[in-house]
Amino acid sequence: MAKRPTKPRRILDVIVKHWRSTIGSLMILVSIFLLIFKVITAETLTAIIAALIAAGYIPKAKSDATDS
């Protein structure tokens, strides 16, 4: 009988599988908290988001709008 993985192991498996988006999401959350506590400015937050998109940690928005 196969042993069921523990909860920390299951969480680690998800992080390993989706590591880029996980790191991107964590960076955005930390940056927003830094903005709320006035450690960084809105311009810095914009630069962080642009860098994460350029590096591929956050997927680009897809344009589904078509002219009818």
N, C-alpha and C. Protein backbone atom coordinates (compact mmCIF):
# COMPACT_ATOMS: atom_id res chain seq x y z
N MET A 1 0.83 -1.17 0.00
CA MET A 1 0.00 0.00 0.00
C MET A 1 0.88 1.25 0.00
N ALA A 2 0.57 2.20 -0.88
CA ALA A 2 1.36 3.42 -0.99
C ALA A 2 1.02 4.39 0.15
N LYS A 3 2.06 4.97 0.70
CA LYS A 3 1.86 5.93 1.78
C LYS A 3 1.46 7.28 1.20
N ARG A 4 0.45 7.90 1.79
CA ARG A 4 -0.04 9.20 1.33
C ARG A 4 0.96 10.28 1.73
N PRO A 5 1.31 11.19 0.79
CA PRO A 5 2.28 12.25 1.14
C PRO A 5 1.72 13.18 2.20
N THR A 6 2.64 13.71 3.00
CA THR A 6 2.23 14.63 4.06
C THR A 6 1.84 15.97 3.46
N LYS A 7 1.17 16.78 4.27
CA LYS A 7 0.71 18.09 3.79
C LYS A 7 1.88 18.98 3.36
N PRO A 8 2.96 19.10 4.14
CA PRO A 8 4.08 19.93 3.66
C PRO A 8 4.66 19.42 2.34
N ARG A 9 4.70 18.11 2.16
CA ARG A 9 5.22 17.54 0.92
C ARG A 9 4.31 17.90 -0.26
N ARG A 10 2.99 17.86 -0.04
CA ARG A 10 2.05 18.22 -1.11
C ARG A 10 2.19 19.70 -1.48
N ILE A 11 2.39 20.56 -0.48
CA ILE A 11 2.58 21.99 -0.74
C ILE A 11 3.88 22.20 -1.52
N LEU A 12 4.93 21.51 -1.13
CA LEU A 12 6.20 21.62 -1.84
C LEU A 12 6.07 21.14 -3.29
N ASP A 13 5.31 20.07 -3.52
CA ASP A 13 5.09 19.58 -4.88
C ASP A 13 4.40 20.62 -5.76
N VAL A 14 3.42 21.32 -5.21
CA VAL A 14 2.72 22.37 -5.96
C VAL A 14 3.67 23.52 -6.28
N ILE A 15 4.49 23.92 -5.30
CA ILE A 15 5.44 25.02 -5.53
C ILE A 15 6.45 24.63 -6.60
N VAL A 16 6.95 23.41 -6.55
CA VAL A 16 7.93 22.96 -7.54
C VAL A 16 7.29 22.92 -8.93
N LYS A 17 6.04 22.48 -9.00
CA LYS A 17 5.36 22.37 -10.29
C LYS A 17 5.08 23.75 -10.90
N HIS A 18 4.71 24.70 -10.07
CA HIS A 18 4.34 26.04 -10.55
C HIS A 18 5.26 27.10 -9.95
N TRP A 19 6.57 26.86 -9.94
CA TRP A 19 7.49 27.72 -9.21
C TRP A 19 7.55 29.14 -9.75
N ARG A 20 7.48 29.34 -11.05
CA ARG A 20 7.57 30.71 -11.59
C ARG A 20 6.39 31.57 -11.15
N SER A 21 5.20 31.05 -11.33
CA SER A 21 4.02 31.84 -10.95
C SER A 21 3.93 32.01 -9.44
N THR A 22 4.42 31.01 -8.69
CA THR A 22 4.41 31.12 -7.22
C THR A 22 5.35 32.24 -6.76
N ILE A 23 6.54 32.28 -7.33
CA ILE A 23 7.49 33.34 -6.96
C ILE A 23 6.94 34.70 -7.39
N GLY A 24 6.35 34.78 -8.58
CA GLY A 24 5.76 36.03 -9.05
C GLY A 24 4.66 36.52 -8.13
N SER A 25 3.78 35.61 -7.71
CA SER A 25 2.69 35.98 -6.82
C SER A 25 3.20 36.45 -5.46
N LEU A 26 4.18 35.76 -4.93
CA LEU A 26 4.75 36.15 -3.64
C LEU A 26 5.43 37.52 -3.73
N MET A 27 6.14 37.77 -4.83
CA MET A 27 6.79 39.07 -5.00
C MET A 27 5.77 40.20 -5.08
N ILE A 28 4.66 39.96 -5.79
CA ILE A 28 3.61 40.98 -5.88
C ILE A 28 3.01 41.25 -4.51
N LEU A 29 2.70 40.20 -3.75
CA LEU A 29 2.13 40.39 -2.41
C LEU A 29 3.07 41.16 -1.50
N VAL A 30 4.35 40.80 -1.51
CA VAL A 30 5.32 41.50 -0.67
C VAL A 30 5.43 42.96 -1.10
N SER A 31 5.46 43.19 -2.41
CA SER A 31 5.57 44.56 -2.92
C SER A 31 4.37 45.41 -2.54
N ILE A 32 3.19 44.83 -2.58
CA ILE A 32 1.98 45.57 -2.20
C ILE A 32 2.02 45.93 -0.72
N PHE A 33 2.48 44.99 0.13
CA PHE A 33 2.60 45.32 1.55
C PHE A 33 3.64 46.41 1.77
N LEU A 34 4.74 46.37 1.02
CA LEU A 34 5.74 47.43 1.14
C LEU A 34 5.17 48.78 0.71
N LEU A 35 4.32 48.76 -0.32
CA LEU A 35 3.68 50.00 -0.76
C LEU A 35 2.71 50.52 0.30
N ILE A 36 1.94 49.63 0.90
CA ILE A 36 0.98 50.02 1.95
C ILE A 36 1.71 50.66 3.13
N PHE A 37 2.84 50.08 3.52
CA PHE A 37 3.59 50.60 4.66
C PHE A 37 4.57 51.70 4.26
N LYS A 38 4.44 52.18 3.02
CA LYS A 38 5.21 53.31 2.50
C LYS A 38 6.72 53.09 2.54
N VAL A 39 7.13 51.86 2.29
CA VAL A 39 8.55 51.55 2.18
C VAL A 39 9.00 51.82 0.75
N ILE A 40 8.10 51.58 -0.22
CA ILE A 40 8.39 51.84 -1.63
C ILE A 40 7.31 52.76 -2.19
N THR A 41 7.58 53.34 -3.35
CA THR A 41 6.61 54.22 -3.99
C THR A 41 5.83 53.45 -5.07
N ALA A 42 4.81 54.09 -5.60
CA ALA A 42 4.01 53.46 -6.65
C ALA A 42 4.84 53.24 -7.91
N GLU A 43 5.78 54.15 -8.17
CA GLU A 43 6.66 53.99 -9.34
C GLU A 43 7.55 52.76 -9.19
N THR A 44 8.02 52.52 -7.97
CA THR A 44 8.84 51.34 -7.72
C THR A 44 8.02 50.07 -7.90
N LEU A 45 6.78 50.08 -7.42
CA LEU A 45 5.90 48.93 -7.60
C LEU A 45 5.67 48.67 -9.08
N THR A 46 5.46 49.71 -9.85
CA THR A 46 5.28 49.57 -11.29
C THR A 46 6.52 48.96 -11.94
N ALA A 47 7.68 49.41 -11.52
CA ALA A 47 8.93 48.86 -12.07
C ALA A 47 9.11 47.40 -11.70
N ILE A 48 8.75 47.03 -10.48
CA ILE A 48 8.85 45.63 -10.05
C ILE A 48 7.94 44.75 -10.89
N ILE A 49 6.71 45.20 -11.09
CA ILE A 49 5.75 44.42 -11.88
C ILE A 49 6.22 44.29 -13.32
N ALA A 50 6.74 45.37 -13.89
CA ALA A 50 7.25 45.32 -15.26
C ALA A 50 8.42 44.35 -15.38
N ALA A 51 9.30 44.34 -14.39
CA ALA A 51 10.44 43.43 -14.40
C ALA A 51 9.99 41.98 -14.27
N LEU A 52 9.00 41.72 -13.43
CA LEU A 52 8.50 40.36 -13.27
C LEU A 52 7.82 39.86 -14.55
N ILE A 53 7.11 40.74 -15.23
CA ILE A 53 6.47 40.36 -16.50
C ILE A 53 7.55 40.09 -17.55
N ALA A 54 8.56 40.95 -17.61
CA ALA A 54 9.63 40.77 -18.59
C ALA A 54 10.42 39.49 -18.34
N ALA A 55 10.59 39.12 -17.08
CA ALA A 55 11.34 37.91 -16.74
C ALA A 55 10.50 36.65 -16.88
N GLY A 56 9.19 36.80 -17.06
CA GLY A 56 8.33 35.64 -17.24
C GLY A 56 7.74 35.08 -15.97
N TYR A 57 7.91 35.77 -14.86
CA TYR A 57 7.34 35.29 -13.60
C TYR A 57 5.85 35.57 -13.51
N ILE A 58 5.38 36.55 -14.27
CA ILE A 58 3.95 36.87 -14.34
C ILE A 58 3.57 36.82 -15.81
N PRO A 59 2.55 36.07 -16.17
CA PRO A 59 2.17 35.99 -17.59
C PRO A 59 1.58 37.30 -18.09
N LYS A 60 1.83 37.60 -19.37
CA LYS A 60 1.27 38.80 -19.97
C LYS A 60 -0.22 38.61 -20.18
N ALA A 61 -0.97 39.70 -20.11
CA ALA A 61 -2.41 39.64 -20.34
C ALA A 61 -2.65 39.37 -21.82
N LYS A 62 -3.59 38.47 -22.08
CA LYS A 62 -3.91 38.15 -23.46
C LYS A 62 -5.05 39.03 -23.91
N SER A 63 -4.94 39.57 -25.10
CA SER A 63 -5.97 40.44 -25.64
C SER A 63 -6.96 39.59 -26.45
N ASP A 64 -8.16 39.41 -25.90
CA ASP A 64 -9.19 38.64 -26.59
C ASP A 64 -10.20 39.53 -27.29
N ALA A 65 -10.01 40.84 -27.18
CA ALA A 65 -10.95 41.77 -27.79
C ALA A 65 -10.78 41.78 -29.31
N THR A 66 -11.86 41.62 -30.00
CA THR A 66 -11.84 41.68 -31.47
C THR A 66 -12.81 42.73 -31.93
N ASP A 67 -12.48 43.40 -33.00
CA ASP A 67 -13.35 44.43 -33.53
C ASP A 67 -14.48 43.77 -34.31
N SER A 68 -15.71 44.05 -33.92
CA SER A 68 -16.86 43.44 -34.59
C SER A 68 -17.51 44.42 -35.53
